[in-house]
Protein backbone atom coordinates (compact mmCIF):
# COMPACT_ATOMS: atom_id res chain seq x y z
CA MET A 1 108.89 23.31 10.68
CA THR A 2 105.21 22.09 10.15
CA ALA A 3 101.97 21.41 12.09
CA ASN A 4 99.25 19.02 11.43
CA ASN A 5 97.08 21.98 10.41
CA GLY A 6 99.19 22.93 7.56
CA GLN A 7 100.72 26.06 9.12
CA CYS A 8 104.33 25.85 8.02
CA PHE A 9 107.43 28.02 8.34
CA GLU A 10 110.88 27.92 7.25
CA LEU A 11 114.01 28.91 9.23
CA ALA A 12 117.34 30.24 7.88
CA PRO A 13 120.40 30.83 10.12
CA LEU A 14 121.89 34.21 9.99
CA PRO A 15 125.59 34.98 10.26
CA ASN A 16 125.23 36.72 13.50
CA GLY A 17 123.62 33.67 15.09
CA GLY A 18 119.95 34.81 14.74
CA VAL A 19 117.46 33.47 12.44
CA ALA A 20 115.23 34.59 9.63
CA VAL A 21 111.65 33.05 9.64
CA ARG A 22 109.12 32.96 6.78
CA ASP A 23 105.77 31.48 5.92
CA SER A 24 106.63 28.63 3.60
CA LYS A 25 103.35 28.93 1.68
CA ASN A 26 103.61 32.67 1.06
CA ILE A 27 107.26 33.47 0.67
CA ALA A 28 106.44 36.79 -1.30
CA ARG A 29 105.45 38.30 2.09
CA GLY A 30 109.10 38.35 3.07
CA HIS A 31 110.69 37.23 6.31
CA LEU A 32 111.16 38.27 9.95
CA CYS A 33 114.61 38.39 11.39
CA PHE A 34 115.48 37.68 15.07
CA THR A 35 118.59 38.18 16.94
CA ALA A 36 120.02 35.04 18.72
CA ASP A 37 118.78 36.30 22.02
CA GLU A 38 115.25 36.95 20.76
CA TRP A 39 115.09 33.51 19.27
CA GLU A 40 116.29 31.85 22.44
CA ALA A 41 113.74 33.84 24.46
CA PHE A 42 110.96 32.73 22.08
CA LYS A 43 111.96 29.05 22.34
CA GLY A 44 112.41 29.22 25.89
CA GLY A 45 108.89 30.69 26.38
CA ILE A 46 107.41 27.80 24.29
CA ALA A 47 109.40 25.15 26.08
CA LYS A 48 107.70 26.30 29.42
CA GLY A 49 104.33 26.02 27.94
CA GLY A 50 103.86 29.75 27.64
CA PRO A 51 101.00 31.16 25.38
CA LEU A 52 101.82 31.27 21.56
CA ILE A 53 100.23 34.45 20.63
CA LEU A 54 101.33 35.88 17.39
CA ALA A 55 100.15 39.36 16.38
CA ARG A 56 100.38 41.03 13.03
CA ARG A 57 101.88 44.48 12.98
């Protein structure tokens, strides 16, 4: 996935139906894993026009 501003990420399907997500420009930082339910909730929120707020932990 990519945006016009160069902020790109990669998705990989997981055997349990979830996804792994990583920064395509900084793969050494690792990845985040989401369950299928978490990923569907994220996509649903975006589809509804919800705010896209990403925080670092």
